[in-house]
Amino acid sequence: MQEVPRFFESFEIGETRKTLARTITETDFVVHAGHSGDFFPHHMDAEFCKTQPFGARIAHGTMTFAIGVGLTATTINPHAMTYGYERLRFPKPVFIGDTIHTEIEITKAQIDPKREGFGQVVEACSVKNQNDETVLFCEHILLVKRDVG
């Protein structure tokens, strides 16, 4: 991981990047269930899931979110921090053996109305599987220091 300092003014609408990929494993399901306490049968009971519409265990949404967003953490910007996430959706399920990556596009940049010297940058994050299907979408809002001299 490397540090790449960027001020608000250096972000451009339409700027894109794509992360490396990661395959989801049985261990991911078990560890996430243990961390979160979510042992819901849709994630943990293979026999039950055979009777359900997807036919197999599906990943926890919170796990897909954590891994998908985690894949984007490749550089450290000392001038930015996460302000929050909006519009979180899971349009397709993730299964054991799926390989996911995240595609990011800067869709909005505005001066922060509450914090002098900062702007908000919105990254549209699309987590996609090996078939290029979107399995998660969200908007990541960054609070970024302005270069006001």
N, C-alpha and C. Protein backbone atom coordinates (compact mmCIF):
# COMPACT_ATOMS: atom_id res chain seq x y z
N MET A 1 0.86 -1.16 0.00
CA MET A 1 0.00 0.00 0.00
C MET A 1 0.90 1.23 0.00
N GLN A 2 0.47 2.23 -0.74
CA GLN A 2 1.27 3.46 -0.79
C GLN A 2 0.41 4.68 -0.50
N GLU A 3 1.07 5.74 -0.10
CA GLU A 3 0.37 6.99 0.16
C GLU A 3 0.35 7.82 -1.11
N VAL A 4 -0.84 8.30 -1.48
CA VAL A 4 -1.01 9.17 -2.65
C VAL A 4 -1.86 10.36 -2.21
N PRO A 5 -1.21 11.46 -1.80
CA PRO A 5 -1.97 12.63 -1.36
C PRO A 5 -2.74 13.26 -2.52
N ARG A 6 -4.04 13.50 -2.31
CA ARG A 6 -4.88 14.17 -3.31
C ARG A 6 -5.83 15.12 -2.60
N PHE A 7 -5.85 16.36 -3.06
CA PHE A 7 -6.80 17.33 -2.55
C PHE A 7 -8.09 17.24 -3.36
N PHE A 8 -9.14 17.81 -2.85
CA PHE A 8 -10.46 17.83 -3.49
C PHE A 8 -10.39 18.25 -4.95
N GLU A 9 -9.61 19.29 -5.23
CA GLU A 9 -9.55 19.86 -6.58
C GLU A 9 -8.97 18.91 -7.62
N SER A 10 -8.28 17.86 -7.19
CA SER A 10 -7.65 16.95 -8.17
C SER A 10 -8.58 15.84 -8.64
N PHE A 11 -9.77 15.71 -8.04
CA PHE A 11 -10.72 14.67 -8.47
C PHE A 11 -11.51 15.18 -9.67
N GLU A 12 -11.69 14.32 -10.67
CA GLU A 12 -12.42 14.69 -11.88
C GLU A 12 -13.64 13.80 -12.07
N ILE A 13 -14.77 14.42 -12.37
CA ILE A 13 -15.99 13.66 -12.68
C ILE A 13 -15.69 12.76 -13.88
N GLY A 14 -16.11 11.50 -13.78
CA GLY A 14 -15.87 10.53 -14.85
C GLY A 14 -14.59 9.72 -14.69
N GLU A 15 -13.75 10.10 -13.76
CA GLU A 15 -12.52 9.36 -13.48
C GLU A 15 -12.90 7.95 -13.00
N THR A 16 -12.22 6.93 -13.51
CA THR A 16 -12.54 5.54 -13.15
C THR A 16 -11.30 4.77 -12.73
N ARG A 17 -11.55 3.70 -12.02
CA ARG A 17 -10.50 2.73 -11.70
C ARG A 17 -11.16 1.39 -11.41
N LYS A 18 -10.36 0.34 -11.50
CA LYS A 18 -10.85 -1.03 -11.30
C LYS A 18 -9.88 -1.74 -10.37
N THR A 19 -10.42 -2.48 -9.41
CA THR A 19 -9.56 -3.18 -8.44
C THR A 19 -9.12 -4.54 -8.97
N LEU A 20 -8.23 -5.15 -8.22
CA LEU A 20 -7.92 -6.55 -8.44
C LEU A 20 -9.13 -7.37 -8.01
N ALA A 21 -9.12 -8.65 -8.34
CA ALA A 21 -10.24 -9.53 -8.01
C ALA A 21 -9.91 -10.43 -6.83
N ARG A 22 -10.96 -11.01 -6.24
CA ARG A 22 -10.81 -11.92 -5.11
C ARG A 22 -11.92 -12.96 -5.17
N THR A 23 -11.54 -14.22 -4.98
CA THR A 23 -12.51 -15.31 -4.99
C THR A 23 -13.07 -15.52 -3.59
N ILE A 24 -14.38 -15.65 -3.52
CA ILE A 24 -15.08 -15.84 -2.25
C ILE A 24 -15.03 -17.33 -1.87
N THR A 25 -14.69 -17.60 -0.62
CA THR A 25 -14.48 -18.98 -0.18
C THR A 25 -15.45 -19.38 0.93
N GLU A 26 -15.48 -20.67 1.19
CA GLU A 26 -16.23 -21.22 2.32
C GLU A 26 -15.75 -20.57 3.62
N THR A 27 -14.46 -20.39 3.74
CA THR A 27 -13.89 -19.77 4.94
C THR A 27 -14.44 -18.36 5.14
N ASP A 28 -14.60 -17.60 4.06
CA ASP A 28 -15.18 -16.26 4.16
C ASP A 28 -16.56 -16.32 4.81
N PHE A 29 -17.39 -17.27 4.37
CA PHE A 29 -18.74 -17.41 4.92
C PHE A 29 -18.69 -17.69 6.42
N VAL A 30 -17.86 -18.66 6.80
CA VAL A 30 -17.79 -19.09 8.20
C VAL A 30 -17.22 -17.99 9.09
N VAL A 31 -16.14 -17.37 8.65
CA VAL A 31 -15.53 -16.30 9.45
C VAL A 31 -16.48 -15.11 9.58
N HIS A 32 -17.13 -14.74 8.50
CA HIS A 32 -18.05 -13.60 8.58
C HIS A 32 -19.24 -13.91 9.50
N ALA A 33 -19.76 -15.11 9.43
CA ALA A 33 -20.86 -15.50 10.32
C ALA A 33 -20.40 -15.39 11.78
N GLY A 34 -19.18 -15.84 12.06
CA GLY A 34 -18.66 -15.75 13.42
C GLY A 34 -18.45 -14.32 13.87
N HIS A 35 -17.93 -13.48 12.98
CA HIS A 35 -17.71 -12.07 13.34
C HIS A 35 -19.02 -11.33 13.55
N SER A 36 -19.99 -11.58 12.69
CA SER A 36 -21.23 -10.81 12.71
C SER A 36 -22.31 -11.42 13.59
N GLY A 37 -22.20 -12.71 13.86
CA GLY A 37 -23.26 -13.41 14.60
C GLY A 37 -24.43 -13.80 13.71
N ASP A 38 -24.29 -13.60 12.39
CA ASP A 38 -25.37 -13.90 11.44
C ASP A 38 -25.19 -15.31 10.89
N PHE A 39 -25.88 -16.26 11.51
CA PHE A 39 -25.84 -17.65 11.07
C PHE A 39 -27.14 -18.02 10.35
N PHE A 40 -27.75 -17.04 9.72
CA PHE A 40 -29.00 -17.25 9.00
C PHE A 40 -28.83 -18.41 8.02
N PRO A 41 -29.82 -19.29 7.89
CA PRO A 41 -29.66 -20.49 7.06
C PRO A 41 -29.36 -20.21 5.59
N HIS A 42 -29.74 -19.04 5.09
CA HIS A 42 -29.45 -18.71 3.68
C HIS A 42 -27.95 -18.61 3.42
N HIS A 43 -27.17 -18.45 4.50
CA HIS A 43 -25.72 -18.35 4.37
C HIS A 43 -25.00 -19.62 4.82
N MET A 44 -25.63 -20.39 5.73
CA MET A 44 -24.90 -21.45 6.41
C MET A 44 -25.44 -22.86 6.21
N ASP A 45 -26.66 -23.02 5.72
CA ASP A 45 -27.29 -24.35 5.65
C ASP A 45 -27.50 -24.77 4.20
N ALA A 46 -26.58 -25.57 3.69
CA ALA A 46 -26.60 -25.97 2.28
C ALA A 46 -27.87 -26.76 1.93
N GLU A 47 -28.33 -27.62 2.83
CA GLU A 47 -29.53 -28.42 2.55
C GLU A 47 -30.77 -27.54 2.48
N PHE A 48 -30.91 -26.62 3.42
CA PHE A 48 -32.02 -25.67 3.38
C PHE A 48 -31.99 -24.88 2.07
N CYS A 49 -30.81 -24.43 1.69
CA CYS A 49 -30.69 -23.58 0.49
C CYS A 49 -31.06 -24.30 -0.80
N LYS A 50 -30.95 -25.62 -0.82
CA LYS A 50 -31.37 -26.38 -2.00
C LYS A 50 -32.86 -26.22 -2.26
N THR A 51 -33.63 -25.86 -1.22
CA THR A 51 -35.08 -25.68 -1.36
C THR A 51 -35.46 -24.23 -1.67
N GLN A 52 -34.48 -23.36 -1.77
CA GLN A 52 -34.71 -21.93 -1.96
C GLN A 52 -34.47 -21.53 -3.42
N PRO A 53 -34.96 -20.36 -3.82
CA PRO A 53 -34.85 -19.94 -5.23
C PRO A 53 -33.44 -19.94 -5.81
N PHE A 54 -32.42 -19.60 -5.01
CA PHE A 54 -31.06 -19.56 -5.57
C PHE A 54 -30.39 -20.92 -5.59
N GLY A 55 -30.90 -21.90 -4.82
CA GLY A 55 -30.41 -23.27 -4.87
C GLY A 55 -29.11 -23.53 -4.15
N ALA A 56 -28.48 -22.50 -3.63
CA ALA A 56 -27.20 -22.65 -2.93
C ALA A 56 -27.07 -21.53 -1.91
N ARG A 57 -26.10 -21.68 -1.01
CA ARG A 57 -25.89 -20.65 0.00
C ARG A 57 -25.47 -19.34 -0.67
N ILE A 58 -25.96 -18.24 -0.15
CA ILE A 58 -25.61 -16.92 -0.67
C ILE A 58 -24.80 -16.16 0.38
N ALA A 59 -23.91 -15.33 -0.11
CA ALA A 59 -23.04 -14.56 0.78
C ALA A 59 -23.85 -13.55 1.57
N HIS A 60 -23.40 -13.28 2.78
CA HIS A 60 -23.96 -12.20 3.58
C HIS A 60 -23.76 -10.90 2.80
N GLY A 61 -24.79 -10.06 2.79
CA GLY A 61 -24.63 -8.76 2.14
C GLY A 61 -23.53 -7.94 2.78
N THR A 62 -23.45 -8.01 4.12
CA THR A 62 -22.42 -7.24 4.82
C THR A 62 -21.02 -7.73 4.49
N MET A 63 -20.88 -9.02 4.21
CA MET A 63 -19.58 -9.56 3.81
C MET A 63 -19.22 -9.09 2.41
N THR A 64 -20.20 -9.15 1.50
CA THR A 64 -19.95 -8.68 0.13
C THR A 64 -19.55 -7.21 0.14
N PHE A 65 -20.24 -6.43 0.97
CA PHE A 65 -19.91 -5.01 1.11
C PHE A 65 -18.50 -4.83 1.65
N ALA A 66 -18.17 -5.53 2.73
CA ALA A 66 -16.85 -5.38 3.36
C ALA A 66 -15.73 -5.76 2.40
N ILE A 67 -15.89 -6.86 1.70
CA ILE A 67 -14.85 -7.30 0.77
C ILE A 67 -14.79 -6.38 -0.44
N GLY A 68 -15.95 -6.05 -1.02
CA GLY A 68 -15.99 -5.17 -2.19
C GLY A 68 -15.37 -3.82 -1.94
N VAL A 69 -15.70 -3.22 -0.79
CA VAL A 69 -15.12 -1.92 -0.44
C VAL A 69 -13.65 -2.10 -0.05
N GLY A 70 -13.34 -3.18 0.65
CA GLY A 70 -11.95 -3.45 1.02
C GLY A 70 -11.03 -3.54 -0.18
N LEU A 71 -11.53 -4.08 -1.28
CA LEU A 71 -10.71 -4.18 -2.49
C LEU A 71 -10.29 -2.81 -3.02
N THR A 72 -11.05 -1.77 -2.69
CA THR A 72 -10.74 -0.42 -3.19
C THR A 72 -9.64 0.24 -2.37
N ALA A 73 -9.29 -0.31 -1.22
CA ALA A 73 -8.33 0.32 -0.32
C ALA A 73 -6.89 -0.03 -0.73
N THR A 74 -6.47 0.53 -1.84
CA THR A 74 -5.13 0.24 -2.35
C THR A 74 -4.15 1.38 -2.13
N THR A 75 -4.66 2.58 -1.87
CA THR A 75 -3.80 3.72 -1.59
C THR A 75 -4.35 4.47 -0.38
N ILE A 76 -3.47 5.17 0.29
CA ILE A 76 -3.87 5.99 1.43
C ILE A 76 -3.79 7.44 1.00
N ASN A 77 -4.91 8.14 1.11
CA ASN A 77 -4.94 9.58 0.85
C ASN A 77 -5.04 10.28 2.20
N PRO A 78 -3.96 10.93 2.66
CA PRO A 78 -4.01 11.56 3.97
C PRO A 78 -4.95 12.77 4.03
N HIS A 79 -5.47 13.20 2.88
CA HIS A 79 -6.37 14.35 2.83
C HIS A 79 -7.85 13.95 2.73
N ALA A 80 -8.14 12.64 2.82
CA ALA A 80 -9.52 12.17 2.63
C ALA A 80 -9.91 11.17 3.71
N MET A 81 -11.23 11.12 3.98
CA MET A 81 -11.76 10.11 4.88
C MET A 81 -13.18 9.77 4.42
N THR A 82 -13.63 8.61 4.81
CA THR A 82 -14.98 8.20 4.47
C THR A 82 -15.99 9.00 5.29
N TYR A 83 -16.96 9.58 4.59
CA TYR A 83 -18.05 10.30 5.24
C TYR A 83 -19.26 9.37 5.38
N GLY A 84 -19.42 8.45 4.43
CA GLY A 84 -20.53 7.50 4.51
C GLY A 84 -20.80 6.82 3.19
N TYR A 85 -21.85 6.00 3.19
CA TYR A 85 -22.27 5.25 2.00
C TYR A 85 -23.76 5.46 1.82
N GLU A 86 -24.18 5.55 0.58
CA GLU A 86 -25.61 5.69 0.27
C GLU A 86 -25.97 4.76 -0.87
N ARG A 87 -27.28 4.55 -1.02
CA ARG A 87 -27.86 3.78 -2.13
C ARG A 87 -27.29 2.36 -2.23
N LEU A 88 -27.08 1.71 -1.11
CA LEU A 88 -26.52 0.37 -1.08
C LEU A 88 -27.57 -0.64 -1.57
N ARG A 89 -27.20 -1.41 -2.59
CA ARG A 89 -28.10 -2.41 -3.18
C ARG A 89 -27.33 -3.68 -3.51
N PHE A 90 -28.04 -4.82 -3.48
CA PHE A 90 -27.48 -6.12 -3.81
C PHE A 90 -28.32 -6.74 -4.94
N PRO A 91 -28.11 -6.34 -6.19
CA PRO A 91 -28.98 -6.81 -7.28
C PRO A 91 -28.85 -8.29 -7.65
N LYS A 92 -27.72 -8.91 -7.33
CA LYS A 92 -27.52 -10.35 -7.61
C LYS A 92 -26.80 -10.97 -6.42
N PRO A 93 -27.02 -12.25 -6.17
CA PRO A 93 -26.33 -12.90 -5.05
C PRO A 93 -24.87 -13.24 -5.38
N VAL A 94 -24.10 -13.44 -4.33
CA VAL A 94 -22.72 -13.91 -4.43
C VAL A 94 -22.68 -15.30 -3.82
N PHE A 95 -22.00 -16.22 -4.49
CA PHE A 95 -21.90 -17.61 -4.06
C PHE A 95 -20.45 -17.97 -3.77
N ILE A 96 -20.25 -19.03 -3.00
CA ILE A 96 -18.91 -19.57 -2.80
C ILE A 96 -18.34 -19.91 -4.17
N GLY A 97 -17.12 -19.48 -4.42
CA GLY A 97 -16.47 -19.72 -5.70
C GLY A 97 -16.57 -18.55 -6.67
N ASP A 98 -17.44 -17.59 -6.40
CA ASP A 98 -17.50 -16.39 -7.25
C ASP A 98 -16.25 -15.55 -7.04
N THR A 99 -15.83 -14.90 -8.09
CA THR A 99 -14.68 -13.99 -8.03
C THR A 99 -15.19 -12.59 -8.30
N ILE A 100 -14.95 -11.70 -7.33
CA ILE A 100 -15.49 -10.34 -7.44
C ILE A 100 -14.36 -9.30 -7.56
N HIS A 101 -14.69 -8.21 -8.19
CA HIS A 101 -13.82 -7.03 -8.23
C HIS A 101 -14.73 -5.81 -8.14
N THR A 102 -14.13 -4.64 -7.94
CA THR A 102 -14.92 -3.42 -7.80
C THR A 102 -14.48 -2.39 -8.84
N GLU A 103 -15.48 -1.78 -9.46
CA GLU A 103 -15.24 -0.69 -10.41
C GLU A 103 -15.75 0.59 -9.79
N ILE A 104 -14.93 1.64 -9.85
CA ILE A 104 -15.24 2.90 -9.18
C ILE A 104 -15.26 4.02 -10.21
N GLU A 105 -16.26 4.90 -10.11
CA GLU A 105 -16.32 6.08 -10.97
C GLU A 105 -16.67 7.29 -10.11
N ILE A 106 -15.92 8.37 -10.29
CA ILE A 106 -16.23 9.62 -9.61
C ILE A 106 -17.44 10.23 -10.32
N THR A 107 -18.53 10.40 -9.57
CA THR A 107 -19.77 10.89 -10.19
C THR A 107 -20.18 12.28 -9.72
N LYS A 108 -19.58 12.74 -8.63
CA LYS A 108 -19.99 14.04 -8.11
C LYS A 108 -18.88 14.60 -7.23
N ALA A 109 -18.72 15.91 -7.28
CA ALA A 109 -17.79 16.61 -6.39
C ALA A 109 -18.40 17.97 -6.07
N GLN A 110 -18.52 18.26 -4.79
CA GLN A 110 -19.10 19.54 -4.39
C GLN A 110 -18.43 20.02 -3.11
N ILE A 111 -18.44 21.34 -2.92
CA ILE A 111 -17.91 21.91 -1.69
C ILE A 111 -18.80 21.44 -0.54
N ASP A 112 -18.20 21.03 0.56
CA ASP A 112 -18.98 20.58 1.71
C ASP A 112 -19.69 21.78 2.33
N PRO A 113 -21.02 21.69 2.48
CA PRO A 113 -21.77 22.84 2.98
C PRO A 113 -21.58 23.10 4.48
N LYS A 114 -21.06 22.13 5.21
CA LYS A 114 -20.95 22.26 6.67
C LYS A 114 -19.52 22.41 7.17
N ARG A 115 -18.55 22.06 6.34
CA ARG A 115 -17.17 22.03 6.81
C ARG A 115 -16.28 22.88 5.91
N GLU A 116 -15.90 24.02 6.42
CA GLU A 116 -15.03 24.92 5.66
C GLU A 116 -13.70 24.22 5.38
N GLY A 117 -13.23 24.34 4.16
CA GLY A 117 -11.96 23.74 3.79
C GLY A 117 -12.06 22.30 3.30
N PHE A 118 -13.29 21.81 3.14
CA PHE A 118 -13.48 20.43 2.67
C PHE A 118 -14.49 20.36 1.54
N GLY A 119 -14.37 19.33 0.73
CA GLY A 119 -15.34 19.01 -0.30
C GLY A 119 -15.79 17.58 -0.14
N GLN A 120 -16.90 17.25 -0.79
CA GLN A 120 -17.39 15.88 -0.83
C GLN A 120 -17.20 15.32 -2.23
N VAL A 121 -16.63 14.14 -2.30
CA VAL A 121 -16.44 13.43 -3.57
C VAL A 121 -17.25 12.14 -3.48
N VAL A 122 -18.07 11.88 -4.50
CA VAL A 122 -18.88 10.67 -4.53
C VAL A 122 -18.29 9.69 -5.54
N GLU A 123 -17.99 8.49 -5.03
CA GLU A 123 -17.52 7.39 -5.88
C GLU A 123 -18.66 6.39 -6.03
N ALA A 124 -19.10 6.15 -7.26
CA ALA A 124 -20.07 5.08 -7.52
C ALA A 124 -19.27 3.78 -7.55
N CYS A 125 -19.60 2.85 -6.66
CA CYS A 125 -18.88 1.58 -6.55
C CYS A 125 -19.77 0.45 -7.04
N SER A 126 -19.32 -0.25 -8.05
CA SER A 126 -20.03 -1.42 -8.57
C SER A 126 -19.15 -2.63 -8.35
N VAL A 127 -19.63 -3.54 -7.49
CA VAL A 127 -18.92 -4.80 -7.28
C VAL A 127 -19.49 -5.78 -8.30
N LYS A 128 -18.59 -6.41 -9.06
CA LYS A 128 -19.02 -7.30 -10.14
C LYS A 128 -18.43 -8.68 -9.96
N ASN A 129 -19.17 -9.68 -10.44
CA ASN A 129 -18.67 -11.06 -10.37
C ASN A 129 -17.92 -11.42 -11.66
N GLN A 130 -17.52 -12.66 -11.75
CA GLN A 130 -16.73 -13.14 -12.88
C GLN A 130 -17.50 -13.08 -14.20
N ASN A 131 -18.81 -12.94 -14.14
CA ASN A 131 -19.64 -12.82 -15.36
C ASN A 131 -19.96 -11.36 -15.68
N ASP A 132 -19.29 -10.44 -15.00
CA ASP A 132 -19.48 -9.00 -15.16
C ASP A 132 -20.88 -8.54 -14.76
N GLU A 133 -21.51 -9.30 -13.86
CA GLU A 133 -22.82 -8.93 -13.32
C GLU A 133 -22.61 -8.13 -12.04
N THR A 134 -23.35 -7.06 -11.88
CA THR A 134 -23.24 -6.26 -10.66
C THR A 134 -23.92 -7.00 -9.51
N VAL A 135 -23.15 -7.25 -8.45
CA VAL A 135 -23.67 -7.94 -7.27
C VAL A 135 -23.87 -6.97 -6.10
N LEU A 136 -23.30 -5.78 -6.21
CA LEU A 136 -23.46 -4.75 -5.20
C LEU A 136 -23.23 -3.40 -5.86
N PHE A 137 -24.04 -2.43 -5.47
CA PHE A 137 -23.81 -1.04 -5.89
C PHE A 137 -23.98 -0.16 -4.67
N CYS A 138 -23.11 0.84 -4.56
CA CYS A 138 -23.29 1.86 -3.53
C CYS A 138 -22.54 3.12 -3.95
N GLU A 139 -22.89 4.19 -3.28
CA GLU A 139 -22.16 5.44 -3.46
C GLU A 139 -21.33 5.67 -2.20
N HIS A 140 -20.04 5.80 -2.39
CA HIS A 140 -19.11 6.06 -1.29
C HIS A 140 -18.82 7.56 -1.28
N ILE A 141 -19.12 8.20 -0.15
CA ILE A 141 -18.92 9.64 -0.05
C ILE A 141 -17.65 9.89 0.74
N LEU A 142 -16.74 10.60 0.11
CA LEU A 142 -15.48 10.96 0.75
C LEU A 142 -15.52 12.41 1.18
N LEU A 143 -14.98 12.70 2.32
CA LEU A 143 -14.75 14.06 2.77
C LEU A 143 -13.29 14.35 2.49
N VAL A 144 -13.02 15.33 1.60
CA VAL A 144 -11.66 15.56 1.13
C VAL A 144 -11.24 17.01 1.39
N LYS A 145 -10.07 17.15 1.94
CA LYS A 145 -9.53 18.48 2.25
C LYS A 145 -9.29 19.25 0.95
N ARG A 146 -9.67 20.53 0.97
CA ARG A 146 -9.45 21.40 -0.19
C ARG A 146 -8.06 22.02 -0.13
N ASP A 147 -7.51 22.31 -1.29
CA ASP A 147 -6.19 22.95 -1.39
C ASP A 147 -6.41 24.46 -1.45
N VAL A 148 -6.69 25.04 -0.29
CA VAL A 148 -7.02 26.46 -0.23
C VAL A 148 -5.82 27.32 0.16
N GLY A 149 -4.67 26.74 0.06
CA GLY A 149 -3.45 27.48 0.20
C GLY A 149 -3.02 27.74 1.57
